[in-house]
């Protein structure tokens, strides 16, 4: 029986999973950033919290997806801290 880690790695490398994360990153990161700024400017703190949550999910999706700006930033930071 496969371990939970093996199942996770299989799902994580699945092309459909990678494409789903790429879509989440490309569509939700700009709107999440814009929404967060707008909600902070107009003083809607609860809505700003939700927008920050959605933005965090989008950025994590981008950081785990190859060929995205977020992934390049994360790999650069890892290289800098390892050296």
C-alpha atoms as a PDB file:
ATOM      1  CA  UNK A   1       0.000   0.000   0.000  1.00  0.00           C
ATOM      2  CA  UNK A   2       1.452   3.395  -0.959  1.00  0.00           C
ATOM      3  CA  UNK A   3       2.291   5.837   1.767  1.00  0.00           C
ATOM      4  CA  UNK A   4       0.558   9.162   2.145  1.00  0.00           C
ATOM      5  CA  UNK A   5       3.731  10.962   1.048  1.00  0.00           C
ATOM      6  CA  UNK A   6       3.929   8.869  -2.149  1.00  0.00           C
ATOM      7  CA  UNK A   7       0.289   9.639  -2.934  1.00  0.00           C
ATOM      8  CA  UNK A   8       0.914  13.349  -2.330  1.00  0.00           C
ATOM      9  CA  UNK A   9       3.987  13.379  -4.598  1.00  0.00           C
ATOM     10  CA  UNK A  10       2.076  11.569  -7.345  1.00  0.00           C
ATOM     11  CA  UNK A  11      -0.765  14.070  -7.154  1.00  0.00           C
ATOM     12  CA  UNK A  12       1.677  16.991  -6.939  1.00  0.00           C
ATOM     13  CA  UNK A  13       3.421  15.936 -10.176  1.00  0.00           C
ATOM     14  CA  UNK A  14       0.171  15.223 -12.041  1.00  0.00           C
ATOM     15  CA  UNK A  15      -0.134  17.545 -15.051  1.00  0.00           C
ATOM     16  CA  UNK A  16      -3.771  18.388 -14.244  1.00  0.00           C
ATOM     17  CA  UNK A  17      -2.754  19.418 -10.726  1.00  0.00           C
ATOM     18  CA  UNK A  18       0.064  21.599 -12.038  1.00  0.00           C
ATOM     19  CA  UNK A  19      -2.241  23.285 -14.556  1.00  0.00           C
ATOM     20  CA  UNK A  20      -4.865  23.892 -11.867  1.00  0.00           C
ATOM     21  CA  UNK A  21      -2.300  25.589  -9.649  1.00  0.00           C
ATOM     22  CA  UNK A  22      -1.085  27.650 -12.609  1.00  0.00           C
ATOM     23  CA  UNK A  23      -4.658  28.851 -13.300  1.00  0.00           C
ATOM     24  CA  UNK A  24      -5.161  29.739  -9.641  1.00  0.00           C
ATOM     25  CA  UNK A  25      -1.923  31.724  -9.636  1.00  0.00           C
ATOM     26  CA  UNK A  26      -2.459  33.570 -12.919  1.00  0.00           C
ATOM     27  CA  UNK A  27      -6.075  34.545 -12.254  1.00  0.00           C
ATOM     28  CA  UNK A  28      -6.247  35.065  -8.503  1.00  0.00           C
ATOM     29  CA  UNK A  29      -2.903  36.743  -7.751  1.00  0.00           C
ATOM     30  CA  UNK A  30      -3.618  39.997  -9.646  1.00  0.00           C
ATOM     31  CA  UNK A  31      -7.246  40.191  -8.513  1.00  0.00           C
ATOM     32  CA  UNK A  32      -6.309  39.279  -4.955  1.00  0.00           C
ATOM     33  CA  UNK A  33      -3.684  42.015  -4.832  1.00  0.00           C
ATOM     34  CA  UNK A  34      -6.008  44.606  -6.323  1.00  0.00           C
ATOM     35  CA  UNK A  35      -8.877  43.543  -4.063  1.00  0.00           C
ATOM     36  CA  UNK A  36      -6.687  43.687  -0.969  1.00  0.00           C
ATOM     37  CA  UNK A  37      -5.530  47.212  -1.784  1.00  0.00           C
ATOM     38  CA  UNK A  38      -9.067  48.425  -2.522  1.00  0.00           C
ATOM     39  CA  UNK A  39     -10.490  46.887   0.665  1.00  0.00           C
ATOM     40  CA  UNK A  40      -7.720  48.418   2.782  1.00  0.00           C
ATOM     41  CA  UNK A  41      -8.240  51.844   1.198  1.00  0.00           C
ATOM     42  CA  UNK A  42     -11.996  51.870   1.807  1.00  0.00           C
ATOM     43  CA  UNK A  43     -11.621  50.456   5.300  1.00  0.00           C
ATOM     44  CA  UNK A  44     -13.310  47.087   4.850  1.00  0.00           C
ATOM     45  CA  UNK A  45     -11.056  45.152   7.189  1.00  0.00           C
ATOM     46  CA  UNK A  46     -12.919  41.844   7.158  1.00  0.00           C
ATOM     47  CA  UNK A  47     -13.074  41.826   3.360  1.00  0.00           C
ATOM     48  CA  UNK A  48      -9.359  42.727   3.284  1.00  0.00           C
ATOM     49  CA  UNK A  49      -8.680  39.673   5.434  1.00  0.00           C
ATOM     50  CA  UNK A  50     -10.513  37.450   2.970  1.00  0.00           C
ATOM     51  CA  UNK A  51      -8.622  39.012   0.070  1.00  0.00           C
ATOM     52  CA  UNK A  52      -5.310  38.439   1.888  1.00  0.00           C
ATOM     53  CA  UNK A  53      -6.291  34.794   2.383  1.00  0.00           C
ATOM     54  CA  UNK A  54      -7.110  34.350  -1.318  1.00  0.00           C
ATOM     55  CA  UNK A  55      -3.891  36.116  -2.275  1.00  0.00           C
ATOM     56  CA  UNK A  56      -1.881  33.805   0.009  1.00  0.00           C
ATOM     57  CA  UNK A  57      -3.477  30.724  -1.587  1.00  0.00           C
ATOM     58  CA  UNK A  58      -2.686  32.084  -5.059  1.00  0.00           C
ATOM     59  CA  UNK A  59       0.939  32.843  -4.166  1.00  0.00           C
ATOM     60  CA  UNK A  60       1.477  29.414  -2.615  1.00  0.00           C
ATOM     61  CA  UNK A  61      -0.001  27.836  -5.744  1.00  0.00           C
ATOM     62  CA  UNK A  62       2.379  29.884  -7.866  1.00  0.00           C
ATOM     63  CA  UNK A  63       5.373  29.045  -5.710  1.00  0.00           C
ATOM     64  CA  UNK A  64       4.695  25.333  -6.149  1.00  0.00           C
ATOM     65  CA  UNK A  65       4.141  25.565  -9.922  1.00  0.00           C
ATOM     66  CA  UNK A  66       7.078  25.465 -12.341  1.00  0.00           C
ATOM     67  CA  UNK A  67       7.627  28.356 -14.772  1.00  0.00           C
ATOM     68  CA  UNK A  68       5.878  31.036 -12.714  1.00  0.00           C
ATOM     69  CA  UNK A  69       7.364  34.215 -11.312  1.00  0.00           C
ATOM     70  CA  UNK A  70       6.562  33.142  -7.750  1.00  0.00           C
ATOM     71  CA  UNK A  71       8.406  29.856  -8.226  1.00  0.00           C
ATOM     72  CA  UNK A  72      11.479  31.662  -9.586  1.00  0.00           C
ATOM     73  CA  UNK A  73      11.472  34.032  -6.601  1.00  0.00           C
ATOM     74  CA  UNK A  74      11.236  31.126  -4.145  1.00  0.00           C
ATOM     75  CA  UNK A  75      14.040  29.195  -5.837  1.00  0.00           C
ATOM     76  CA  UNK A  76      16.240  32.330  -5.875  1.00  0.00           C
ATOM     77  CA  UNK A  77      15.603  32.870  -2.154  1.00  0.00           C
ATOM     78  CA  UNK A  78      16.453  29.236  -1.412  1.00  0.00           C
ATOM     79  CA  UNK A  79      19.707  29.518  -3.376  1.00  0.00           C
ATOM     80  CA  UNK A  80      20.652  32.720  -1.545  1.00  0.00           C
ATOM     81  CA  UNK A  81      20.006  31.237   1.896  1.00  0.00           C
ATOM     82  CA  UNK A  82      21.875  28.003   1.097  1.00  0.00           C
ATOM     83  CA  UNK A  83      25.023  29.799  -0.055  1.00  0.00           C
END
